[in-house]
Amino acid sequence: MQTFHYFGRRRRPTTAFSYQTTPPSAVIAYLRHDFRGMMELPDLRLENDAIVSNVRHGTRHPHEFKNGLSSYAEAKSRHDYLTDRMRRIFSSRERILFVTRNSDESTLRELRGGLKTYNPSLRFRIFNVACDAPVSAWEKSVPHWQAALAEADAGESRTLSGLLRDQSQRFVRHLREKSF
């Protein structure tokens, strides 16, 4: 799962999801736990490919643990900082684009419900990228992700033009009514 702000300034702040592979079930767990307690040492294992995984939530952490589990304190500190940021983002009214892959409709429904329960005012879209490449072969899924993000860009442009039209109409109305 990846998250992106869309709309307005194009930006993608770094979050915990930027550094880990996060299945939708783990996103729902993050929401239910208010982004707290999601990287606890008893839940972590070093896999055969030297990547740390969270066996309780199904996340994989290929970028956070420079020296395996011996770098837990540093990784946990960074993760806590990034989840604090996520809490602020998910509690805001900013628009967020969620990109996931190969999720079935019931998973997407549960994800939508979890997001709406966490913040009923959250404005978001979910793109479900269909990709037959294994998760471990991330480079083979790049064209699929690029296509999904191009679709998001196209949607953003349509949305932005509509917003600009609405804003200009409001501005003209304020001028006519002399209400500022």
Protein backbone atom coordinates (compact mmCIF):
# COMPACT_ATOMS: atom_id res chain seq x y z
CA MET A 1 0.00 0.00 0.00
CA GLN A 2 1.24 3.45 -0.83
CA THR A 3 -0.37 6.75 0.03
CA PHE A 4 -0.08 9.99 -1.86
CA HIS A 5 -1.53 13.39 -1.31
CA TYR A 6 -3.28 14.47 -4.43
CA PHE A 7 -4.74 17.81 -5.13
CA GLY A 8 -3.26 21.25 -4.73
CA ARG A 9 0.50 21.19 -4.31
CA ARG A 10 1.92 17.97 -5.64
CA ARG A 11 3.64 16.46 -2.67
CA ARG A 12 4.15 13.15 -1.11
CA PRO A 13 5.27 13.43 2.48
CA THR A 14 7.25 10.53 3.81
CA THR A 15 5.18 8.21 5.99
CA ALA A 16 5.73 4.78 7.48
CA PHE A 17 4.11 3.36 4.34
CA SER A 18 6.99 4.86 2.32
CA TYR A 19 9.43 2.41 3.89
CA GLN A 20 7.45 -0.77 4.21
CA THR A 21 5.25 -3.17 2.29
CA THR A 22 1.84 -2.81 3.89
CA PRO A 23 -1.10 -5.07 3.02
CA PRO A 24 -4.58 -3.53 3.32
CA SER A 25 -5.25 -5.61 6.46
CA ALA A 26 -2.29 -3.86 8.12
CA VAL A 27 -3.60 -0.43 7.04
CA ILE A 28 -6.86 -1.30 8.77
CA ALA A 29 -4.89 -2.36 11.87
CA TYR A 30 -3.00 0.96 11.81
CA LEU A 31 -6.34 2.78 11.76
CA ARG A 32 -7.84 0.67 14.55
CA HIS A 33 -4.77 1.22 16.73
CA ASP A 34 -4.56 4.94 15.91
CA PHE A 35 -1.14 4.29 14.32
CA ARG A 36 0.32 3.21 17.66
CA GLY A 37 2.03 -0.03 18.65
CA MET A 38 2.48 -1.30 15.12
CA MET A 39 6.21 -2.06 15.33
CA GLU A 40 6.88 -3.97 18.51
CA LEU A 41 9.98 -6.12 18.83
CA PRO A 42 8.16 -9.37 19.79
CA ASP A 43 6.25 -9.16 16.46
CA LEU A 44 9.35 -8.80 14.28
CA ARG A 45 11.34 -11.54 12.55
CA LEU A 46 14.35 -11.51 10.27
CA GLU A 47 13.43 -13.39 7.11
CA ASN A 48 15.73 -15.52 4.97
CA ASP A 49 16.25 -12.62 2.55
CA ALA A 50 17.52 -10.47 5.47
CA ILE A 51 14.35 -8.35 5.48
CA VAL A 52 12.57 -7.72 8.75
CA SER A 53 8.88 -8.60 8.75
CA ASN A 54 6.11 -8.04 11.23
CA VAL A 55 4.48 -11.45 11.68
CA ARG A 56 1.45 -10.02 13.50
CA HIS A 57 0.48 -7.43 10.88
CA GLY A 58 2.09 -8.82 7.71
CA THR A 59 4.24 -5.79 6.96
CA ARG A 60 7.74 -6.08 5.51
CA HIS A 61 10.46 -3.54 6.27
CA PRO A 62 13.17 -3.66 3.59
CA HIS A 63 14.46 -0.12 4.25
CA GLU A 64 14.20 0.51 7.97
CA PHE A 65 16.57 -2.01 9.54
CA LYS A 66 20.11 -1.30 8.42
CA ASN A 67 21.58 -4.04 10.62
CA GLY A 68 18.69 -6.43 11.03
CA LEU A 69 16.93 -6.50 14.37
CA SER A 70 19.98 -5.01 16.12
CA SER A 71 18.94 -1.64 14.62
CA TYR A 72 15.44 -1.90 16.13
CA ALA A 73 15.74 1.18 18.39
CA GLU A 74 16.64 3.44 15.47
CA ALA A 75 13.99 1.90 13.19
CA LYS A 76 11.32 2.13 15.91
CA SER A 77 12.14 5.78 16.60
CA ARG A 78 11.82 6.65 12.91
CA HIS A 79 8.63 4.58 12.58
CA ASP A 80 7.04 6.34 15.56
CA TYR A 81 7.94 9.74 14.09
CA LEU A 82 6.41 8.75 10.72
CA THR A 83 3.27 7.28 12.29
CA ASP A 84 2.76 10.53 14.22
CA ARG A 85 2.88 12.28 10.86
CA MET A 86 0.41 9.74 9.45
CA ARG A 87 -1.97 10.36 12.33
CA ARG A 88 -1.96 14.08 11.51
CA ILE A 89 -2.45 13.46 7.78
CA PHE A 90 -5.24 10.94 8.27
CA SER A 91 -6.95 13.26 10.75
CA SER A 92 -6.92 16.17 8.31
CA ARG A 93 -9.21 17.07 5.46
CA GLU A 94 -6.49 16.71 2.86
CA ARG A 95 -7.08 14.41 -0.04
CA ILE A 96 -5.18 11.16 -0.01
CA LEU A 97 -4.69 8.64 -2.77
CA PHE A 98 -4.23 5.03 -1.65
CA VAL A 99 -2.65 2.68 -4.12
CA THR A 100 -2.88 -1.03 -3.46
CA ARG A 101 -2.48 -4.10 -5.64
CA ASN A 102 -4.63 -7.12 -6.32
CA SER A 103 -7.12 -6.44 -3.54
CA ASP A 104 -10.52 -8.09 -3.79
CA GLU A 105 -13.73 -6.10 -3.45
CA SER A 106 -14.40 -7.15 0.16
CA THR A 107 -10.89 -5.98 1.18
CA LEU A 108 -11.45 -2.66 -0.58
CA ARG A 109 -14.84 -2.29 1.16
CA GLU A 110 -13.22 -2.99 4.53
CA LEU A 111 -10.45 -0.49 3.78
CA ARG A 112 -12.97 2.21 2.78
CA GLY A 113 -14.98 1.50 5.92
CA GLY A 114 -11.90 1.66 8.14
CA LEU A 115 -10.88 5.00 6.63
CA LYS A 116 -14.37 6.46 7.02
CA THR A 117 -14.58 5.22 10.61
CA TYR A 118 -11.17 6.72 11.46
CA ASN A 119 -12.04 10.08 9.96
CA PRO A 120 -15.50 10.58 8.44
CA SER A 121 -14.25 13.82 6.83
CA LEU A 122 -11.23 12.21 5.17
CA ARG A 123 -11.25 12.71 1.41
CA PHE A 124 -9.60 9.81 -0.35
CA ARG A 125 -9.47 7.64 -3.42
CA ILE A 126 -8.27 4.06 -3.69
CA PHE A 127 -6.64 2.69 -6.81
CA ASN A 128 -6.33 -1.05 -6.96
CA VAL A 129 -3.50 -1.97 -9.34
CA ALA A 130 -3.85 -5.33 -11.04
CA CYS A 131 -0.42 -6.91 -11.29
CA ASP A 132 0.64 -10.52 -11.66
CA ALA A 133 4.28 -9.96 -10.64
CA PRO A 134 5.18 -11.26 -7.18
CA VAL A 135 5.53 -8.61 -4.48
CA SER A 136 9.21 -9.49 -4.10
CA ALA A 137 9.81 -8.65 -7.80
CA TRP A 138 8.78 -5.03 -7.33
CA GLU A 139 10.63 -3.85 -10.44
CA LYS A 140 8.24 -5.89 -12.63
CA SER A 141 5.24 -4.04 -11.22
CA VAL A 142 6.60 -0.54 -11.96
CA PRO A 143 4.69 -0.14 -15.27
CA HIS A 144 1.45 -1.09 -13.49
CA TRP A 145 2.05 1.50 -10.75
CA GLN A 146 2.97 4.15 -13.33
CA ALA A 147 -0.29 3.54 -15.20
CA ALA A 148 -2.31 3.85 -11.97
CA LEU A 149 -0.57 7.09 -11.01
CA ALA A 150 -1.05 8.48 -14.54
CA GLU A 151 -4.77 7.77 -14.10
CA ALA A 152 -4.66 9.62 -10.77
CA ASP A 153 -2.93 12.58 -12.45
CA ALA A 154 -5.63 12.68 -15.13
CA GLY A 155 -8.32 12.59 -12.44
CA GLU A 156 -6.56 15.34 -10.52
CA SER A 157 -6.49 17.58 -13.56
CA ARG A 158 -10.23 17.17 -14.08
CA THR A 159 -10.87 17.81 -10.41
CA LEU A 160 -8.57 20.83 -10.36
CA SER A 161 -10.26 22.43 -13.36
CA GLY A 162 -13.65 21.97 -11.68
CA LEU A 163 -12.35 23.52 -8.49
CA LEU A 164 -10.88 26.48 -10.33
CA ARG A 165 -14.25 27.03 -12.03
CA ASP A 166 -16.05 26.87 -8.67
CA GLN A 167 -13.57 29.22 -7.01
CA SER A 168 -13.83 31.77 -9.82
CA GLN A 169 -17.65 31.67 -9.60
CA ARG A 170 -17.46 32.26 -5.83
CA PHE A 171 -15.04 35.14 -6.34
CA VAL A 172 -17.34 36.80 -8.88
CA ARG A 173 -20.29 36.35 -6.51
CA HIS A 174 -18.33 37.98 -3.67
CA LEU A 175 -17.46 40.90 -5.94
CA ARG A 176 -21.10 41.35 -6.99
CA GLU A 177 -22.38 41.12 -3.42
CA LYS A 178 -19.43 43.10 -2.04
CA SER A 179 -19.01 40.53 0.68
CA PHE A 180 -15.45 39.80 1.63
